[in-house]
Amino acid sequence: MRWASKTPGSAYAGRIRDNLDGQAMETPWFAKRPVSAVRPGDHGWLAYSCTEERDRVIGTFVREGLLTNEKVVYVTDAPAELLPGFDPRHPIDIGTYTRTGQLRVIPRRDACLDRHGAFAPAMMLETLGKEVEEAFGQGFRAVRLTTDHSWVLHGPGRAGLHQMLGCEHRVGDAVSPSTMAMAICQVDKHALTHDELVALRDTHEVLVEVNPEFDDGILKIVRTFKPDGLRVEGELDAARHAVFAEKLTQVGKGRRRVHLDFSRLGFIDLGGLNLLAQHATGLPADDALVLDHLPADVENVIELVGWHRLPGLARGSEGTLPKTEGIGR
């Protein structure tokens, strides 16, 4: 199966893999990318915790592909109009894309099920390879592949874990050297056991997440799900108080508890801590702003000034939990 471009060059700039701290490296264990940064050669993994998270990632993946002359191949039994990303807020002429072949929605029975209705990895690989090969002559600059594997291990026609791992390894072997194909494998993290999630995650090189709410190279704010909240990375200083307050207010609408993940926080000034305290004191009774993975020096300052006694401020999880990266457990 040859999934590389037949023409010299690539529609994308050269890929640089980075580790979880954003440092360039040749062979990382995992690269973590926002969905809009996924590029040809990426074999991505998304373990979603709710449909909102899935739709925000896969919807962007599908929509951006269609709007940039890239072929989108989605293996699913859902009709095209119900795919993530197709909603009134993002009107798209689905009929035009399906007629031209730019959007290919392939039912499981045609893509990866044998005549007995069982999952057939070789058939899946053949289906995806055929779609990529045809894209060369169709004039598309790249091909985006995605499917949801939540049913494979425990649904009708289910496969064994060993069989599924073999399939993922073969997809990765085909996609990784490609200058044209990129893939995101989806799974509902509640549909699989912890060990199954870890094993499947480890067959991927790229962990895909939602696009950041804000990122200026100094501070990055990323939406999190289950628990609902924000991950705050980098430096939160006076110049960025306003945007942080705005994003915190937005995520708190309609939610009783909002979690802030500080596991990758490099710096926060006293003004930023005061902002947290003010937000917490303005919450209704029984609501809370939960601070997860606080750096020790930040926690010491909070305790020193007595803000840990505020009724709306709660201490959450400790540690960075590296073994759960990409599975959220």
Protein backbone atom coordinates (compact mmCIF):
# COMPACT_ATOMS: atom_id res chain seq x y z
CA MET A 1 0.00 0.00 0.00
CA ARG A 2 1.56 3.28 -1.10
CA TRP A 3 0.06 6.36 0.55
CA ALA A 4 2.76 8.88 -0.37
CA SER A 5 2.37 11.59 -2.95
CA LYS A 6 3.23 10.69 -6.55
CA THR A 7 4.42 14.22 -7.22
CA PRO A 8 7.48 15.90 -5.74
CA GLY A 9 7.02 18.25 -2.85
CA SER A 10 4.10 18.56 -0.50
CA ALA A 11 1.14 20.86 0.05
CA TYR A 12 2.33 21.35 3.62
CA ALA A 13 5.55 22.68 5.03
CA GLY A 14 7.99 20.11 6.40
CA ARG A 15 6.73 18.45 9.54
CA ILE A 16 8.59 19.03 12.80
CA ARG A 17 7.65 16.68 15.58
CA ASP A 18 7.60 18.14 19.07
CA ASN A 19 7.31 16.74 22.52
CA LEU A 20 4.76 17.72 25.13
CA ASP A 21 6.76 20.80 26.08
CA GLY A 22 6.87 22.05 22.51
CA GLN A 23 10.57 21.28 21.99
CA ALA A 24 11.59 19.94 18.59
CA MET A 25 12.87 16.38 18.60
CA GLU A 26 13.38 13.68 16.00
CA THR A 27 11.63 10.69 17.56
CA PRO A 28 9.29 11.67 20.42
CA TRP A 29 7.16 9.18 22.27
CA PHE A 30 4.09 11.33 21.61
CA ALA A 31 3.53 14.62 19.88
CA LYS A 32 0.49 16.55 21.08
CA ARG A 33 -1.18 18.71 18.46
CA PRO A 34 -4.27 20.90 18.26
CA VAL A 35 -6.46 19.54 15.49
CA SER A 36 -5.67 22.37 13.07
CA ALA A 37 -1.96 21.46 13.29
CA VAL A 38 -2.47 17.86 12.12
CA ARG A 39 -0.45 17.29 8.92
CA PRO A 40 0.13 14.56 6.33
CA GLY A 41 2.01 11.69 7.95
CA ASP A 42 0.23 12.12 11.29
CA HIS A 43 -1.46 9.01 12.69
CA GLY A 44 -3.52 10.74 15.35
CA TRP A 45 -5.38 9.52 18.42
CA LEU A 46 -8.44 11.06 20.04
CA ALA A 47 -9.95 9.48 23.16
CA TYR A 48 -12.94 11.74 23.75
CA SER A 49 -14.87 12.05 26.98
CA CYS A 50 -18.10 13.49 25.55
CA THR A 51 -19.72 14.31 22.22
CA GLU A 52 -18.86 18.01 22.63
CA GLU A 53 -15.15 17.20 22.72
CA ARG A 54 -15.44 14.81 19.78
CA ASP A 55 -17.44 17.28 17.71
CA ARG A 56 -15.06 20.15 18.38
CA VAL A 57 -12.05 18.08 17.28
CA ILE A 58 -13.45 15.94 14.47
CA GLY A 59 -15.81 18.65 13.25
CA THR A 60 -12.83 20.96 12.77
CA PHE A 61 -10.82 18.18 11.11
CA VAL A 62 -13.60 17.49 8.61
CA ARG A 63 -14.64 21.10 7.97
CA GLU A 64 -11.12 22.43 7.45
CA GLY A 65 -10.36 19.63 5.02
CA LEU A 66 -13.39 20.39 2.88
CA LEU A 67 -12.64 24.11 2.84
CA THR A 68 -9.01 23.63 1.73
CA ASN A 69 -9.42 21.21 -1.21
CA GLU A 70 -8.57 18.10 0.78
CA LYS A 71 -10.44 14.82 0.47
CA VAL A 72 -12.19 13.66 3.64
CA VAL A 73 -12.87 9.95 4.16
CA TYR A 74 -15.12 9.10 7.12
CA VAL A 75 -15.94 5.46 7.88
CA THR A 76 -19.23 5.56 9.78
CA ASP A 77 -22.83 4.40 9.63
CA ALA A 78 -24.04 7.94 10.30
CA PRO A 79 -25.40 9.94 7.34
CA ALA A 80 -23.24 12.76 6.04
CA GLU A 81 -25.53 15.49 7.36
CA LEU A 82 -25.05 14.20 10.93
CA LEU A 83 -21.26 14.17 10.88
CA PRO A 84 -19.43 16.36 13.40
CA GLY A 85 -18.94 19.87 12.06
CA PHE A 86 -22.16 19.97 10.03
CA ASP A 87 -24.53 22.15 12.00
CA PRO A 88 -26.38 25.46 11.55
CA ARG A 89 -23.42 27.42 12.93
CA HIS A 90 -21.19 26.06 10.15
CA PRO A 91 -23.37 25.70 7.03
CA ILE A 92 -21.76 23.52 4.37
CA ASP A 93 -23.21 22.33 1.07
CA ILE A 94 -22.83 18.62 1.81
CA GLY A 95 -24.35 17.54 -1.49
CA THR A 96 -21.69 19.33 -3.52
CA TYR A 97 -18.86 17.72 -1.58
CA THR A 98 -20.31 14.23 -1.81
CA ARG A 99 -21.05 14.54 -5.54
CA THR A 100 -17.48 15.59 -6.34
CA GLY A 101 -16.03 12.83 -4.20
CA GLN A 102 -14.29 15.24 -1.86
CA LEU A 103 -16.37 13.89 1.02
CA ARG A 104 -16.55 10.10 1.20
CA VAL A 105 -18.82 8.70 3.90
CA ILE A 106 -18.39 4.92 3.81
CA PRO A 107 -20.63 2.58 5.83
CA ARG A 108 -18.85 -0.03 7.94
CA ARG A 109 -20.29 -2.90 5.92
CA ASP A 110 -18.56 -1.55 2.83
CA ALA A 111 -15.34 -0.50 4.55
CA CYS A 112 -14.42 -3.02 7.21
CA LEU A 113 -16.98 -5.79 7.82
CA ASP A 114 -16.78 -9.26 6.31
CA ARG A 115 -19.82 -11.15 5.06
CA HIS A 116 -20.53 -12.33 8.62
CA GLY A 117 -20.55 -8.77 9.95
CA ALA A 118 -17.23 -9.14 11.76
CA PHE A 119 -14.50 -6.51 11.77
CA ALA A 120 -11.98 -7.22 9.00
CA PRO A 121 -8.74 -5.21 9.43
CA ALA A 122 -7.38 -6.12 6.01
CA MET A 123 -10.57 -4.84 4.41
CA MET A 124 -10.29 -1.54 6.32
CA LEU A 125 -6.69 -1.08 5.12
CA GLU A 126 -7.65 -1.87 1.55
CA THR A 127 -10.56 0.60 1.69
CA LEU A 128 -8.45 3.45 3.05
CA GLY A 129 -5.58 2.73 0.68
CA LYS A 130 -7.93 2.78 -2.30
CA GLU A 131 -9.38 6.14 -1.27
CA VAL A 132 -5.93 7.66 -0.88
CA GLU A 133 -4.71 6.30 -4.21
CA GLU A 134 -7.77 7.67 -6.02
CA ALA A 135 -7.21 11.11 -4.51
CA PHE A 136 -3.98 11.42 -6.51
CA GLY A 137 -5.92 11.57 -9.76
CA GLN A 138 -8.79 13.61 -8.33
CA GLY A 139 -6.66 16.69 -7.78
CA PHE A 140 -6.89 16.88 -3.99
CA ARG A 141 -3.86 18.19 -2.16
CA ALA A 142 -4.22 15.80 0.81
CA VAL A 143 -6.51 13.13 2.30
CA ARG A 144 -8.00 13.16 5.80
CA LEU A 145 -9.07 9.79 7.20
CA THR A 146 -11.12 9.22 10.32
CA THR A 147 -13.37 6.68 11.98
CA ASP A 148 -14.66 5.88 15.46
CA HIS A 149 -13.36 2.57 16.83
CA SER A 150 -15.49 2.59 20.00
CA TRP A 151 -17.58 -0.35 18.79
CA VAL A 152 -14.73 -2.54 17.56
CA LEU A 153 -13.75 -4.25 20.83
CA HIS A 154 -17.15 -4.54 22.49
CA GLY A 155 -19.88 -4.04 19.89
CA PRO A 156 -21.45 -6.42 17.35
CA GLY A 157 -18.82 -7.94 15.07
CA ARG A 158 -16.17 -7.03 17.61
CA ALA A 159 -12.52 -7.87 17.17
CA GLY A 160 -9.95 -8.98 19.71
CA LEU A 161 -7.51 -6.44 21.10
CA HIS A 162 -4.57 -8.16 19.39
CA GLN A 163 -6.34 -7.93 16.04
CA MET A 164 -7.18 -4.27 16.58
CA LEU A 165 -3.62 -3.41 17.59
CA GLY A 166 -2.32 -5.09 14.44
CA CYS A 167 -4.69 -2.99 12.35
CA GLU A 168 -3.57 0.24 14.01
CA HIS A 169 0.10 -0.61 13.56
CA ARG A 170 -0.46 -1.23 9.86
CA VAL A 171 -2.40 2.02 9.43
CA GLY A 172 0.40 3.84 11.21
CA ASP A 173 3.03 2.21 9.02
CA ALA A 174 1.13 3.37 5.94
CA VAL A 175 0.30 6.91 7.11
CA SER A 176 3.55 7.93 8.85
CA PRO A 177 5.77 8.10 5.72
CA SER A 178 2.99 9.66 3.64
CA THR A 179 3.18 13.17 2.22
CA MET A 180 -0.53 13.14 1.51
CA ALA A 181 -2.52 11.10 4.07
CA MET A 182 -3.32 12.00 7.68
CA ALA A 183 -5.61 10.10 10.06
CA ILE A 184 -7.39 10.57 13.38
CA CYS A 185 -8.61 7.40 15.11
CA GLN A 186 -11.43 8.18 17.52
CA VAL A 187 -12.64 6.26 20.53
CA ASP A 188 -15.10 6.97 23.33
CA LYS A 189 -12.91 6.55 26.40
CA HIS A 190 -15.90 5.20 28.34
CA ALA A 191 -16.37 2.32 25.87
CA LEU A 192 -13.02 0.66 26.56
CA THR A 193 -11.11 -0.47 29.62
CA HIS A 194 -8.09 1.47 30.85
CA ASP A 195 -5.68 -1.19 29.57
CA GLU A 196 -7.35 -1.23 26.14
CA LEU A 197 -7.12 2.56 25.91
CA VAL A 198 -3.43 2.56 26.82
CA ALA A 199 -2.62 -0.22 24.35
CA LEU A 200 -4.43 1.48 21.47
CA ARG A 201 -3.06 4.93 22.32
CA ASP A 202 0.47 3.54 22.18
CA THR A 203 0.05 2.58 18.52
CA HIS A 204 -0.20 6.28 17.62
CA GLU A 205 2.45 8.96 17.43
CA VAL A 206 0.20 12.00 17.70
CA LEU A 207 -2.32 12.88 20.41
CA VAL A 208 -4.93 15.25 18.99
CA GLU A 209 -6.88 17.79 21.02
CA VAL A 210 -9.12 20.81 20.53
CA ASN A 211 -7.65 24.01 19.19
CA PRO A 212 -6.60 26.35 22.01
CA GLU A 213 -8.94 29.08 23.16
CA PHE A 214 -5.91 31.37 23.20
CA ASP A 215 -2.24 30.99 22.34
CA ASP A 216 0.23 33.84 21.87
CA GLY A 217 3.39 31.82 22.42
CA ILE A 218 3.61 32.92 26.06
CA LEU A 219 0.27 31.77 27.43
CA LYS A 220 -1.88 28.95 26.09
CA ILE A 221 -5.43 28.29 27.28
CA VAL A 222 -7.01 25.00 26.23
CA ARG A 223 -10.57 23.81 26.86
CA THR A 224 -10.84 20.59 28.84
CA PHE A 225 -13.77 18.19 29.18
CA LYS A 226 -14.87 15.81 31.94
CA PRO A 227 -14.01 17.62 34.11
CA ASP A 228 -15.07 20.81 32.38
CA GLY A 229 -12.59 23.62 32.53
CA LEU A 230 -9.36 25.00 31.13
CA ARG A 231 -5.73 23.93 30.98
CA VAL A 232 -3.39 26.86 31.53
CA GLU A 233 0.10 26.56 30.06
CA GLY A 234 3.06 28.92 30.08
CA GLU A 235 3.04 32.31 31.82
CA LEU A 236 0.03 34.18 33.14
CA ASP A 237 1.16 37.78 33.68
CA ALA A 238 -0.53 41.17 33.82
CA ALA A 239 -0.63 41.54 30.04
CA ARG A 240 -2.79 38.41 29.81
CA HIS A 241 -5.13 38.82 32.78
CA ALA A 242 -7.96 40.15 30.63
CA VAL A 243 -8.00 37.28 28.14
CA PHE A 244 -7.73 34.71 30.93
CA ALA A 245 -10.64 36.32 32.80
CA GLU A 246 -12.70 36.30 29.60
CA LYS A 247 -12.07 32.59 28.92
CA LEU A 248 -12.71 31.68 32.54
CA THR A 249 -16.07 33.49 32.49
CA GLN A 250 -17.06 31.81 29.23
CA VAL A 251 -16.31 28.28 30.39
CA GLY A 252 -18.09 28.88 33.69
CA LYS A 253 -21.45 29.69 32.13
CA GLY A 254 -23.97 27.03 33.11
CA ARG A 255 -21.43 24.96 35.06
CA ARG A 256 -21.36 24.46 38.85
CA ARG A 257 -17.71 23.44 39.02
CA VAL A 258 -14.92 24.57 36.70
CA HIS A 259 -11.52 22.89 36.84
CA LEU A 260 -8.28 24.71 36.05
CA ASP A 261 -5.40 22.41 35.14
CA PHE A 262 -2.11 24.06 36.12
CA SER A 263 0.16 21.08 35.42
CA ARG A 264 1.98 23.03 32.70
CA LEU A 265 1.88 26.45 34.29
CA GLY A 266 5.31 28.09 34.28
CA PHE A 267 4.48 31.36 36.04
CA ILE A 268 1.55 33.25 37.52
CA ASP A 269 1.83 36.68 39.15
CA LEU A 270 0.00 37.88 42.23
CA GLY A 271 -2.48 39.70 40.04
CA GLY A 272 -3.38 36.40 38.39
CA LEU A 273 -3.87 34.73 41.76
CA ASN A 274 -6.02 37.65 42.89
CA LEU A 275 -8.09 37.22 39.72
CA LEU A 276 -8.74 33.59 40.73
CA ALA A 277 -9.73 34.67 44.23
CA GLN A 278 -12.11 37.34 42.94
CA HIS A 279 -13.72 34.90 40.53
CA ALA A 280 -14.18 32.32 43.30
CA THR A 281 -15.75 34.77 45.75
CA GLY A 282 -18.27 35.84 43.11
CA LEU A 283 -19.59 32.31 42.56
CA PRO A 284 -23.01 31.21 43.84
CA ALA A 285 -23.15 29.03 46.93
CA ASP A 286 -22.01 25.44 46.31
CA ASP A 287 -20.25 26.40 43.04
CA ALA A 288 -16.48 26.07 42.96
CA LEU A 289 -13.35 26.91 41.03
CA VAL A 290 -11.20 23.77 41.34
CA LEU A 291 -7.43 24.15 41.03
CA ASP A 292 -5.80 20.95 39.73
CA HIS A 293 -2.07 20.13 39.68
CA LEU A 294 -0.96 23.33 41.38
CA PRO A 295 2.81 23.92 41.38
CA ALA A 296 4.11 23.78 44.96
CA ASP A 297 5.31 27.40 45.00
CA VAL A 298 1.92 28.68 43.79
CA GLU A 299 0.09 26.60 46.39
CA ASN A 300 2.37 28.01 49.09
CA VAL A 301 1.50 31.59 48.09
CA ILE A 302 -2.23 30.79 48.12
CA GLU A 303 -1.95 29.34 51.62
CA LEU A 304 0.29 32.18 52.82
CA VAL A 305 -2.29 34.85 51.98
CA GLY A 306 -5.19 32.68 53.16
CA TRP A 307 -7.01 32.35 49.83
CA HIS A 308 -7.33 28.58 50.33
CA ARG A 309 -10.04 29.36 52.91
CA LEU A 310 -12.28 31.06 50.35
CA PRO A 311 -15.55 29.09 50.00
CA GLY A 312 -15.52 29.16 46.20
CA LEU A 313 -11.94 27.96 45.79
CA ALA A 314 -11.18 24.24 45.97
CA ARG A 315 -8.03 22.18 45.76
CA GLY A 316 -8.24 19.45 43.15
CA SER A 317 -6.03 16.68 41.81
CA GLU A 318 -2.31 16.54 42.47
CA GLY A 319 0.54 15.49 40.15
CA THR A 320 0.77 15.52 36.35
CA LEU A 321 -0.46 11.95 35.76
CA PRO A 322 1.79 11.28 32.74
CA LYS A 323 0.60 7.71 32.27
CA THR A 324 -2.91 8.94 31.48
CA GLU A 325 -1.81 11.29 28.70
CA GLY A 326 -4.20 10.86 25.79
CA ILE A 327 -6.78 8.77 27.69
CA GLY A 328 -7.86 11.18 30.41
CA ARG A 329 -8.00 8.72 33.28
